[in-house]
């Protein structure tokens, strides 16, 4: 069974005493103060992948920050390659932008956002 723990600017996923993954976040330096939040990085160890840990971690994160107006994140190269950005679509994040990589036009990054407070 996977359990989630909040630790400073990180959410840790553990199975027993072993860390299965983590989600790092930060507050953007904007005029909204602490009303917006960015997911900086999500990592799940290879042996724990494809069993829903990233999905559970994001849901835990969203419950923890109910007073946030906007959550945003940029995808990375590996997410484009394995199309794991579909996870955000499944969780009702909206894609606002796509930026092609300068060196590899078939790979890029995507900006996803989700409005929490109405």
C-alpha atoms as a PDB file:
ATOM      1  CA  UNK A   1       0.000   0.000   0.000  1.00  0.00           C
ATOM      2  CA  UNK A   2       1.306   3.417  -0.977  1.00  0.00           C
ATOM      3  CA  UNK A   3       1.138   6.251   1.559  1.00  0.00           C
ATOM      4  CA  UNK A   4       1.744   9.928   0.897  1.00  0.00           C
ATOM      5  CA  UNK A   5       3.552  12.386   3.118  1.00  0.00           C
ATOM      6  CA  UNK A   6       3.846  16.154   2.912  1.00  0.00           C
ATOM      7  CA  UNK A   7       7.396  17.429   3.441  1.00  0.00           C
ATOM      8  CA  UNK A   8       8.246  21.122   2.935  1.00  0.00           C
ATOM      9  CA  UNK A   9       7.792  21.683  -0.856  1.00  0.00           C
ATOM     10  CA  UNK A  10       7.497  18.008  -1.666  1.00  0.00           C
ATOM     11  CA  UNK A  11       5.024  15.147  -1.481  1.00  0.00           C
ATOM     12  CA  UNK A  12       6.649  11.769  -0.913  1.00  0.00           C
ATOM     13  CA  UNK A  13       5.073   8.448  -1.972  1.00  0.00           C
ATOM     14  CA  UNK A  14       6.201   5.497   0.158  1.00  0.00           C
ATOM     15  CA  UNK A  15       5.518   1.800   0.140  1.00  0.00           C
ATOM     16  CA  UNK A  16       6.464   0.655   3.619  1.00  0.00           C
ATOM     17  CA  UNK A  17       9.863   2.201   4.300  1.00  0.00           C
ATOM     18  CA  UNK A  18      10.777   2.522   0.597  1.00  0.00           C
ATOM     19  CA  UNK A  19      10.299   5.740  -1.328  1.00  0.00           C
ATOM     20  CA  UNK A  20       8.370   5.075  -4.548  1.00  0.00           C
ATOM     21  CA  UNK A  21       8.368   8.633  -5.869  1.00  0.00           C
ATOM     22  CA  UNK A  22       7.853  12.302  -5.162  1.00  0.00           C
ATOM     23  CA  UNK A  23       6.231  15.472  -6.426  1.00  0.00           C
ATOM     24  CA  UNK A  24       8.054  18.811  -6.026  1.00  0.00           C
ATOM     25  CA  UNK A  25       6.192  22.119  -6.129  1.00  0.00           C
ATOM     26  CA  UNK A  26       6.820  25.835  -5.715  1.00  0.00           C
ATOM     27  CA  UNK A  27       4.994  29.119  -5.616  1.00  0.00           C
ATOM     28  CA  UNK A  28       5.563  31.359  -8.651  1.00  0.00           C
ATOM     29  CA  UNK A  29       6.952  34.795  -8.049  1.00  0.00           C
ATOM     30  CA  UNK A  30       3.865  36.684  -9.159  1.00  0.00           C
ATOM     31  CA  UNK A  31       1.444  39.194  -7.689  1.00  0.00           C
ATOM     32  CA  UNK A  32      -0.989  36.468  -6.624  1.00  0.00           C
ATOM     33  CA  UNK A  33       1.144  35.647  -3.582  1.00  0.00           C
ATOM     34  CA  UNK A  34       0.451  32.089  -2.473  1.00  0.00           C
ATOM     35  CA  UNK A  35      -2.764  31.719  -4.482  1.00  0.00           C
ATOM     36  CA  UNK A  36      -1.081  29.947  -7.430  1.00  0.00           C
ATOM     37  CA  UNK A  37       1.247  26.954  -7.344  1.00  0.00           C
ATOM     38  CA  UNK A  38       3.488  25.162  -9.834  1.00  0.00           C
ATOM     39  CA  UNK A  39       4.252  21.473 -10.019  1.00  0.00           C
ATOM     40  CA  UNK A  40       7.972  21.461 -10.776  1.00  0.00           C
ATOM     41  CA  UNK A  41       8.706  17.759 -11.006  1.00  0.00           C
ATOM     42  CA  UNK A  42       7.032  14.379 -10.638  1.00  0.00           C
ATOM     43  CA  UNK A  43       9.132  11.248 -10.366  1.00  0.00           C
ATOM     44  CA  UNK A  44       8.138   7.632  -9.814  1.00  0.00           C
ATOM     45  CA  UNK A  45      10.838   4.963  -9.581  1.00  0.00           C
ATOM     46  CA  UNK A  46      10.715   2.555 -12.547  1.00  0.00           C
ATOM     47  CA  UNK A  47       9.635  -0.487 -10.517  1.00  0.00           C
ATOM     48  CA  UNK A  48       6.602   1.465  -9.200  1.00  0.00           C
ATOM     49  CA  UNK A  49       5.432   2.870 -12.532  1.00  0.00           C
ATOM     50  CA  UNK A  50       2.136   2.110 -14.303  1.00  0.00           C
ATOM     51  CA  UNK A  51       0.222   1.322 -11.095  1.00  0.00           C
ATOM     52  CA  UNK A  52      -1.316   4.773 -10.558  1.00  0.00           C
ATOM     53  CA  UNK A  53       1.135   6.322  -8.107  1.00  0.00           C
ATOM     54  CA  UNK A  54       1.578   9.562 -10.078  1.00  0.00           C
ATOM     55  CA  UNK A  55      -2.207   9.918 -10.376  1.00  0.00           C
ATOM     56  CA  UNK A  56      -2.684   9.304  -6.641  1.00  0.00           C
ATOM     57  CA  UNK A  57       0.128  11.727  -5.804  1.00  0.00           C
ATOM     58  CA  UNK A  58      -1.435  14.525  -7.880  1.00  0.00           C
ATOM     59  CA  UNK A  59      -4.861  13.897  -6.331  1.00  0.00           C
ATOM     60  CA  UNK A  60      -3.292  14.016  -2.841  1.00  0.00           C
ATOM     61  CA  UNK A  61      -1.568  17.260  -3.838  1.00  0.00           C
ATOM     62  CA  UNK A  62      -4.805  18.831  -5.127  1.00  0.00           C
ATOM     63  CA  UNK A  63      -6.659  17.925  -1.906  1.00  0.00           C
ATOM     64  CA  UNK A  64      -3.863  19.398   0.193  1.00  0.00           C
ATOM     65  CA  UNK A  65      -4.049  22.775  -1.580  1.00  0.00           C
ATOM     66  CA  UNK A  66      -7.777  23.499  -1.841  1.00  0.00           C
ATOM     67  CA  UNK A  67      -7.209  27.248  -1.291  1.00  0.00           C
ATOM     68  CA  UNK A  68      -5.092  27.579  -4.447  1.00  0.00           C
ATOM     69  CA  UNK A  69      -6.657  29.261  -7.479  1.00  0.00           C
ATOM     70  CA  UNK A  70      -4.405  27.881 -10.248  1.00  0.00           C
ATOM     71  CA  UNK A  71      -2.070  24.892 -10.520  1.00  0.00           C
ATOM     72  CA  UNK A  72       0.329  24.884 -13.464  1.00  0.00           C
ATOM     73  CA  UNK A  73       3.099  22.691 -14.833  1.00  0.00           C
ATOM     74  CA  UNK A  74       5.308  22.287 -17.876  1.00  0.00           C
ATOM     75  CA  UNK A  75       5.977  18.857 -19.292  1.00  0.00           C
ATOM     76  CA  UNK A  76       9.461  17.684 -20.140  1.00  0.00           C
ATOM     77  CA  UNK A  77      11.148  15.780 -22.926  1.00  0.00           C
ATOM     78  CA  UNK A  78      10.557  12.318 -21.437  1.00  0.00           C
ATOM     79  CA  UNK A  79       6.839  13.039 -20.992  1.00  0.00           C
ATOM     80  CA  UNK A  80       6.633  13.860 -24.688  1.00  0.00           C
ATOM     81  CA  UNK A  81       8.439  10.673 -25.652  1.00  0.00           C
ATOM     82  CA  UNK A  82       6.281   8.324 -23.564  1.00  0.00           C
ATOM     83  CA  UNK A  83       3.140  10.511 -23.793  1.00  0.00           C
ATOM     84  CA  UNK A  84       2.671  10.487 -20.017  1.00  0.00           C
ATOM     85  CA  UNK A  85       1.278  14.030 -20.287  1.00  0.00           C
ATOM     86  CA  UNK A  86      -2.075  12.297 -20.918  1.00  0.00           C
ATOM     87  CA  UNK A  87      -2.223  11.854 -17.140  1.00  0.00           C
ATOM     88  CA  UNK A  88      -2.846  15.605 -16.774  1.00  0.00           C
ATOM     89  CA  UNK A  89      -5.611  15.535 -19.350  1.00  0.00           C
ATOM     90  CA  UNK A  90      -7.223  12.659 -17.431  1.00  0.00           C
ATOM     91  CA  UNK A  91      -7.134  14.810 -14.273  1.00  0.00           C
ATOM     92  CA  UNK A  92      -8.841  17.722 -16.107  1.00  0.00           C
ATOM     93  CA  UNK A  93      -5.792  19.908 -16.578  1.00  0.00           C
ATOM     94  CA  UNK A  94      -6.110  22.052 -19.704  1.00  0.00           C
ATOM     95  CA  UNK A  95      -3.256  22.418 -22.150  1.00  0.00           C
ATOM     96  CA  UNK A  96      -2.621  26.110 -22.811  1.00  0.00           C
ATOM     97  CA  UNK A  97       0.564  26.013 -24.835  1.00  0.00           C
ATOM     98  CA  UNK A  98       2.942  23.816 -26.777  1.00  0.00           C
ATOM     99  CA  UNK A  99       6.501  24.864 -27.495  1.00  0.00           C
ATOM    100  CA  UNK A 100       8.579  22.871 -29.994  1.00  0.00           C
ATOM    101  CA  UNK A 101      12.148  22.068 -29.032  1.00  0.00           C
ATOM    102  CA  UNK A 102      14.677  24.175 -30.927  1.00  0.00           C
ATOM    103  CA  UNK A 103      16.825  21.160 -31.858  1.00  0.00           C
ATOM    104  CA  UNK A 104      14.168  18.467 -32.266  1.00  0.00           C
ATOM    105  CA  UNK A 105      10.923  19.722 -33.795  1.00  0.00           C
ATOM    106  CA  UNK A 106       9.155  16.419 -32.972  1.00  0.00           C
ATOM    107  CA  UNK A 107       9.649  16.972 -29.237  1.00  0.00           C
ATOM    108  CA  UNK A 108       8.492  19.900 -27.178  1.00  0.00           C
ATOM    109  CA  UNK A 109       7.026  20.979 -23.885  1.00  0.00           C
ATOM    110  CA  UNK A 110       3.437  21.645 -22.919  1.00  0.00           C
ATOM    111  CA  UNK A 111       1.937  24.024 -20.378  1.00  0.00           C
ATOM    112  CA  UNK A 112      -0.990  22.569 -18.428  1.00  0.00           C
ATOM    113  CA  UNK A 113      -3.169  24.453 -15.924  1.00  0.00           C
ATOM    114  CA  UNK A 114      -6.036  23.575 -13.640  1.00  0.00           C
ATOM    115  CA  UNK A 115      -8.319  26.001 -11.846  1.00  0.00           C
ATOM    116  CA  UNK A 116      -9.069  24.879  -8.281  1.00  0.00           C
ATOM    117  CA  UNK A 117     -11.020  27.750  -6.703  1.00  0.00           C
ATOM    118  CA  UNK A 118     -13.785  29.320  -8.742  1.00  0.00           C
END
